Amino acid sequence: AYLMEEEGGDRVVNMVKHLVANLNVPVSVKLRILPSGYEDSLALYKRLVDAGASMLTIHGRTRHQRQLETGSADWELVRRVVGAGGRSGP
């Protein structure tokens, strides 16, 4: 989750590009919601798909939601991400 926020997401996008270019297996990515919200999260998810990720798994919480602060998953955001992906999603 931390890498998603590093360098505006560039670090994790570059990692996916490198893996896709050098492996002969599908690359999947498990992600959380960015603390900055839906629009930034959706933009990063699209960049990862464009980088070659074959599958995204969206964990419906931010990295700050853990232990005593877990709270409920944001299922509405997950639905919006799936809906926004449409046919272009992996």
C-alpha atoms as a PDB file:
ATOM      1  CA  ALA A   1       0.000   0.000   0.000  1.00  0.00           C
ATOM      2  CA  TYR A   2       2.856   2.356   0.758  1.00  0.00           C
ATOM      3  CA  LEU A   3       4.319   1.933  -2.740  1.00  0.00           C
ATOM      4  CA  MET A   4       1.051   3.156  -4.257  1.00  0.00           C
ATOM      5  CA  GLU A   5       1.755   6.577  -2.794  1.00  0.00           C
ATOM      6  CA  GLU A   6       5.487   6.655  -3.574  1.00  0.00           C
ATOM      7  CA  GLU A   7       6.439   9.082  -6.329  1.00  0.00           C
ATOM      8  CA  GLY A   8       2.799   9.685  -7.254  1.00  0.00           C
ATOM      9  CA  GLY A   9       2.334   6.001  -8.038  1.00  0.00           C
ATOM     10  CA  ASP A  10       5.233   5.943 -10.497  1.00  0.00           C
ATOM     11  CA  ARG A  11       7.193   3.403  -8.475  1.00  0.00           C
ATOM     12  CA  VAL A  12       4.488   0.744  -8.500  1.00  0.00           C
ATOM     13  CA  VAL A  13       3.610   1.436 -12.161  1.00  0.00           C
ATOM     14  CA  ASN A  14       7.273   1.027 -13.134  1.00  0.00           C
ATOM     15  CA  MET A  15       7.477  -2.205 -11.129  1.00  0.00           C
ATOM     16  CA  VAL A  16       4.492  -3.611 -13.014  1.00  0.00           C
ATOM     17  CA  LYS A  17       5.989  -2.574 -16.364  1.00  0.00           C
ATOM     18  CA  HIS A  18       9.271  -4.276 -15.445  1.00  0.00           C
ATOM     19  CA  LEU A  19       7.543  -7.479 -14.329  1.00  0.00           C
ATOM     20  CA  VAL A  20       5.333  -7.640 -17.424  1.00  0.00           C
ATOM     21  CA  ALA A  21       8.359  -7.161 -19.689  1.00  0.00           C
ATOM     22  CA  ASN A  22      10.444  -9.820 -17.949  1.00  0.00           C
ATOM     23  CA  LEU A  23       7.995 -12.561 -16.964  1.00  0.00           C
ATOM     24  CA  ASN A  24       6.008 -15.050 -18.976  1.00  0.00           C
ATOM     25  CA  VAL A  25       3.115 -15.141 -16.515  1.00  0.00           C
ATOM     26  CA  PRO A  26       0.238 -12.738 -15.863  1.00  0.00           C
ATOM     27  CA  VAL A  27       0.973 -10.003 -13.335  1.00  0.00           C
ATOM     28  CA  SER A  28      -1.687  -9.220 -10.747  1.00  0.00           C
ATOM     29  CA  VAL A  29      -1.739  -6.336  -8.289  1.00  0.00           C
ATOM     30  CA  LYS A  30      -3.567  -6.049  -4.966  1.00  0.00           C
ATOM     31  CA  LEU A  31      -4.316  -2.436  -4.130  1.00  0.00           C
ATOM     32  CA  ARG A  32      -5.898  -0.347  -1.461  1.00  0.00           C
ATOM     33  CA  ILE A  33      -7.812   2.881  -1.846  1.00  0.00           C
ATOM     34  CA  LEU A  34      -5.522   5.897  -1.883  1.00  0.00           C
ATOM     35  CA  PRO A  35      -6.076   8.216   1.106  1.00  0.00           C
ATOM     36  CA  SER A  36      -6.640  11.032  -1.406  1.00  0.00           C
ATOM     37  CA  GLY A  37      -9.807   9.298  -2.628  1.00  0.00           C
ATOM     38  CA  TYR A  38     -11.658   7.782  -5.540  1.00  0.00           C
ATOM     39  CA  GLU A  39     -10.424   9.896  -8.451  1.00  0.00           C
ATOM     40  CA  ASP A  40      -6.730   9.471  -7.604  1.00  0.00           C
ATOM     41  CA  SER A  41      -7.251   5.760  -6.934  1.00  0.00           C
ATOM     42  CA  LEU A  42      -9.041   5.262 -10.240  1.00  0.00           C
ATOM     43  CA  ALA A  43      -6.299   7.117 -12.122  1.00  0.00           C
ATOM     44  CA  LEU A  44      -3.634   4.880 -10.573  1.00  0.00           C
ATOM     45  CA  TYR A  45      -5.631   1.708 -11.293  1.00  0.00           C
ATOM     46  CA  LYS A  46      -5.931   2.761 -14.954  1.00  0.00           C
ATOM     47  CA  ARG A  47      -2.188   3.408 -15.144  1.00  0.00           C
ATOM     48  CA  LEU A  48      -1.523  -0.085 -13.784  1.00  0.00           C
ATOM     49  CA  VAL A  49      -3.801  -1.663 -16.387  1.00  0.00           C
ATOM     50  CA  ASP A  50      -2.045   0.373 -19.080  1.00  0.00           C
ATOM     51  CA  ALA A  51       1.300  -0.859 -17.665  1.00  0.00           C
ATOM     52  CA  GLY A  52       0.182  -4.433 -18.339  1.00  0.00           C
ATOM     53  CA  ALA A  53      -1.401  -5.687 -15.122  1.00  0.00           C
ATOM     54  CA  SER A  54      -3.629  -8.655 -15.949  1.00  0.00           C
ATOM     55  CA  MET A  55      -5.723  -8.429 -12.813  1.00  0.00           C
ATOM     56  CA  LEU A  56      -6.378  -5.866 -10.097  1.00  0.00           C
ATOM     57  CA  THR A  57      -7.736  -6.787  -6.687  1.00  0.00           C
ATOM     58  CA  ILE A  58      -9.153  -3.768  -4.879  1.00  0.00           C
ATOM     59  CA  HIS A  59      -9.054  -3.909  -1.091  1.00  0.00           C
ATOM     60  CA  GLY A  60     -11.816  -1.522  -0.057  1.00  0.00           C
ATOM     61  CA  ARG A  61      -9.814   0.328   2.587  1.00  0.00           C
ATOM     62  CA  THR A  62      -6.910   2.764   2.783  1.00  0.00           C
ATOM     63  CA  ARG A  63      -3.585   1.759   4.297  1.00  0.00           C
ATOM     64  CA  HIS A  64      -4.505   3.846   7.347  1.00  0.00           C
ATOM     65  CA  GLN A  65      -7.519   1.654   8.082  1.00  0.00           C
ATOM     66  CA  ARG A  66      -5.930  -1.117  10.136  1.00  0.00           C
ATOM     67  CA  GLN A  67      -5.973  -2.585  13.618  1.00  0.00           C
ATOM     68  CA  LEU A  68      -8.322  -0.491  15.780  1.00  0.00           C
ATOM     69  CA  GLU A  69      -9.038   1.876  12.879  1.00  0.00           C
ATOM     70  CA  THR A  70     -10.105  -0.831  10.397  1.00  0.00           C
ATOM     71  CA  GLY A  71     -13.689   0.259   9.876  1.00  0.00           C
ATOM     72  CA  SER A  72     -15.866  -1.012   7.056  1.00  0.00           C
ATOM     73  CA  ALA A  73     -14.647  -1.518   3.528  1.00  0.00           C
ATOM     74  CA  ASP A  74     -15.828   1.093   1.049  1.00  0.00           C
ATOM     75  CA  TRP A  75     -17.909  -1.235  -1.137  1.00  0.00           C
ATOM     76  CA  GLU A  76     -19.435   1.680  -3.021  1.00  0.00           C
ATOM     77  CA  LEU A  77     -15.987   2.793  -4.146  1.00  0.00           C
ATOM     78  CA  VAL A  78     -15.151  -0.778  -5.209  1.00  0.00           C
ATOM     79  CA  ARG A  79     -18.392  -0.879  -7.251  1.00  0.00           C
ATOM     80  CA  ARG A  80     -17.524   2.470  -8.836  1.00  0.00           C
ATOM     81  CA  VAL A  81     -14.042   1.234  -9.756  1.00  0.00           C
ATOM     82  CA  VAL A  82     -15.451  -1.915 -11.346  1.00  0.00           C
ATOM     83  CA  GLY A  83     -18.075   0.124 -13.181  1.00  0.00           C
ATOM     84  CA  ALA A  84     -15.506   2.648 -14.408  1.00  0.00           C
ATOM     85  CA  GLY A  85     -13.261  -0.136 -15.690  1.00  0.00           C
ATOM     86  CA  GLY A  86     -15.932  -1.400 -18.054  1.00  0.00           C
ATOM     87  CA  ARG A  87     -14.468  -3.376 -20.925  1.00  0.00           C
ATOM     88  CA  SER A  88     -11.056  -1.739 -20.554  1.00  0.00           C
ATOM     89  CA  GLY A  89     -10.417  -3.359 -17.174  1.00  0.00           C
ATOM     90  CA  PRO A  90      -8.327  -6.494 -16.927  1.00  0.00           C
END
